[in-house]
Amino acid sequence: MLKWALIFFLISIVAGFFGFSGVSAAAAGIAKVLFFIFIVLFAIFLVIAFATGAMVL
């Protein structure tokens, strides 16, 4: 998921460089949502791993 967030971030930068502000804003919004979903899932799995004392995956 983090990989996709980085891909959309790069799309946003390239689109902004070439002047496609609408595409850039949309890609940046998608990247932001994916990044926050990644952070939430990471925190949940971290808490589960500490609670059980085992490797989760």
N, C-alpha and C. Protein backbone atom coordinates (compact mmCIF):
# COMPACT_ATOMS: atom_id res chain seq x y z
N MET A 1 0.83 -1.18 0.00
CA MET A 1 0.00 0.00 0.00
C MET A 1 0.88 1.25 0.00
N LEU A 2 1.96 1.18 0.73
CA LEU A 2 2.87 2.32 0.75
C LEU A 2 3.49 2.53 -0.64
N LYS A 3 3.71 1.42 -1.35
CA LYS A 3 4.25 1.52 -2.71
C LYS A 3 3.29 2.29 -3.62
N TRP A 4 2.00 2.01 -3.50
CA TRP A 4 1.02 2.71 -4.32
C TRP A 4 0.92 4.18 -3.95
N ALA A 5 1.06 4.48 -2.66
CA ALA A 5 1.04 5.88 -2.22
C ALA A 5 2.22 6.63 -2.85
N LEU A 6 3.38 5.99 -2.88
CA LEU A 6 4.55 6.63 -3.49
C LEU A 6 4.38 6.80 -5.00
N ILE A 7 3.76 5.83 -5.64
CA ILE A 7 3.52 5.93 -7.08
C ILE A 7 2.59 7.10 -7.38
N PHE A 8 1.50 7.23 -6.62
CA PHE A 8 0.59 8.35 -6.85
C PHE A 8 1.25 9.68 -6.51
N PHE A 9 2.14 9.69 -5.52
CA PHE A 9 2.88 10.90 -5.19
C PHE A 9 3.77 11.32 -6.36
N LEU A 10 4.45 10.36 -6.97
CA LEU A 10 5.29 10.67 -8.12
C LEU A 10 4.46 11.13 -9.31
N ILE A 11 3.31 10.52 -9.51
CA ILE A 11 2.40 10.97 -10.59
C ILE A 11 1.99 12.41 -10.34
N SER A 12 1.71 12.74 -9.09
CA SER A 12 1.32 14.09 -8.73
C SER A 12 2.43 15.10 -9.03
N ILE A 13 3.66 14.73 -8.69
CA ILE A 13 4.78 15.64 -8.94
C ILE A 13 5.00 15.85 -10.43
N VAL A 14 4.96 14.77 -11.20
CA VAL A 14 5.18 14.87 -12.65
C VAL A 14 4.05 15.66 -13.30
N ALA A 15 2.81 15.39 -12.91
CA ALA A 15 1.68 16.12 -13.48
C ALA A 15 1.75 17.60 -13.12
N GLY A 16 2.16 17.91 -11.90
CA GLY A 16 2.30 19.31 -11.50
C GLY A 16 3.40 20.00 -12.28
N PHE A 17 4.48 19.28 -12.56
CA PHE A 17 5.58 19.85 -13.33
C PHE A 17 5.15 20.22 -14.74
N PHE A 18 4.29 19.37 -15.33
CA PHE A 18 3.84 19.62 -16.69
C PHE A 18 2.60 20.51 -16.76
N GLY A 19 2.10 20.94 -15.62
CA GLY A 19 1.00 21.91 -15.61
C GLY A 19 -0.39 21.31 -15.52
N PHE A 20 -0.50 20.03 -15.27
CA PHE A 20 -1.81 19.40 -15.12
C PHE A 20 -2.23 19.47 -13.66
N SER A 21 -2.74 20.63 -13.25
CA SER A 21 -3.02 20.85 -11.83
C SER A 21 -4.16 19.97 -11.32
N GLY A 22 -5.16 19.69 -12.15
CA GLY A 22 -6.26 18.84 -11.72
C GLY A 22 -5.82 17.42 -11.46
N VAL A 23 -5.04 16.88 -12.37
CA VAL A 23 -4.51 15.53 -12.21
C VAL A 23 -3.56 15.48 -11.01
N SER A 24 -2.78 16.53 -10.86
CA SER A 24 -1.83 16.58 -9.75
C SER A 24 -2.56 16.59 -8.41
N ALA A 25 -3.61 17.37 -8.30
CA ALA A 25 -4.37 17.44 -7.05
C ALA A 25 -5.06 16.12 -6.75
N ALA A 26 -5.61 15.49 -7.77
CA ALA A 26 -6.28 14.21 -7.58
C ALA A 26 -5.29 13.13 -7.14
N ALA A 27 -4.15 13.07 -7.80
CA ALA A 27 -3.14 12.07 -7.44
C ALA A 27 -2.59 12.32 -6.04
N ALA A 28 -2.41 13.58 -5.67
CA ALA A 28 -1.93 13.90 -4.33
C ALA A 28 -2.97 13.50 -3.28
N GLY A 29 -4.24 13.70 -3.58
CA GLY A 29 -5.29 13.29 -2.66
C GLY A 29 -5.33 11.78 -2.47
N ILE A 30 -5.20 11.05 -3.55
CA ILE A 30 -5.17 9.58 -3.46
C ILE A 30 -3.96 9.12 -2.68
N ALA A 31 -2.80 9.73 -2.93
CA ALA A 31 -1.59 9.36 -2.21
C ALA A 31 -1.74 9.63 -0.72
N LYS A 32 -2.38 10.73 -0.37
CA LYS A 32 -2.56 11.07 1.04
C LYS A 32 -3.47 10.07 1.73
N VAL A 33 -4.55 9.69 1.07
CA VAL A 33 -5.48 8.71 1.65
C VAL A 33 -4.80 7.36 1.84
N LEU A 34 -4.09 6.89 0.82
CA LEU A 34 -3.40 5.61 0.92
C LEU A 34 -2.35 5.63 2.02
N PHE A 35 -1.65 6.75 2.17
CA PHE A 35 -0.63 6.84 3.20
C PHE A 35 -1.25 6.76 4.59
N PHE A 36 -2.36 7.45 4.81
CA PHE A 36 -2.99 7.41 6.13
C PHE A 36 -3.60 6.03 6.42
N ILE A 37 -4.13 5.37 5.40
CA ILE A 37 -4.62 4.00 5.59
C ILE A 37 -3.45 3.09 5.98
N PHE A 38 -2.30 3.27 5.32
CA PHE A 38 -1.11 2.49 5.65
C PHE A 38 -0.69 2.72 7.10
N ILE A 39 -0.69 3.97 7.54
CA ILE A 39 -0.28 4.29 8.91
C ILE A 39 -1.23 3.65 9.91
N VAL A 40 -2.53 3.71 9.65
CA VAL A 40 -3.52 3.12 10.56
C VAL A 40 -3.34 1.60 10.63
N LEU A 41 -3.19 0.95 9.49
CA LEU A 41 -3.00 -0.50 9.49
C LEU A 41 -1.69 -0.89 10.16
N PHE A 42 -0.65 -0.11 9.95
CA PHE A 42 0.62 -0.39 10.61
C PHE A 42 0.48 -0.30 12.13
N ALA A 43 -0.21 0.72 12.60
CA ALA A 43 -0.42 0.88 14.05
C ALA A 43 -1.24 -0.27 14.62
N ILE A 44 -2.27 -0.70 13.90
CA ILE A 44 -3.12 -1.80 14.37
C ILE A 44 -2.30 -3.09 14.47
N PHE A 45 -1.52 -3.40 13.43
CA PHE A 45 -0.71 -4.61 13.46
C PHE A 45 0.40 -4.52 14.52
N LEU A 46 0.91 -3.34 14.75
CA LEU A 46 1.93 -3.17 15.79
C LEU A 46 1.35 -3.45 17.18
N VAL A 47 0.15 -2.95 17.44
CA VAL A 47 -0.51 -3.19 18.72
C VAL A 47 -0.83 -4.67 18.88
N ILE A 48 -1.32 -5.31 17.83
CA ILE A 48 -1.63 -6.74 17.90
C ILE A 48 -0.36 -7.55 18.17
N ALA A 49 0.74 -7.18 17.51
CA ALA A 49 1.99 -7.91 17.71
C ALA A 49 2.49 -7.77 19.14
N PHE A 50 2.40 -6.58 19.71
CA PHE A 50 2.84 -6.40 21.09
C PHE A 50 1.91 -7.10 22.07
N ALA A 51 0.61 -7.13 21.76
CA ALA A 51 -0.35 -7.76 22.67
C ALA A 51 -0.19 -9.27 22.70
N THR A 52 0.06 -9.87 21.55
CA THR A 52 0.19 -11.33 21.49
C THR A 52 1.62 -11.79 21.72
N GLY A 53 2.58 -10.93 21.50
CA GLY A 53 3.98 -11.30 21.65
C GLY A 53 4.47 -12.18 20.53
N ALA A 54 3.76 -12.17 19.42
CA ALA A 54 4.14 -13.02 18.29
C ALA A 54 4.26 -12.18 17.02
N MET A 55 4.82 -12.80 16.02
CA MET A 55 4.96 -12.15 14.74
C MET A 55 3.63 -12.21 14.01
N VAL A 56 3.13 -11.08 13.53
CA VAL A 56 1.84 -11.03 12.84
C VAL A 56 2.11 -10.82 11.36
N LEU A 57 1.59 -11.73 10.54
CA LEU A 57 1.64 -11.59 9.10
C LEU A 57 1.37 -12.84 8.38
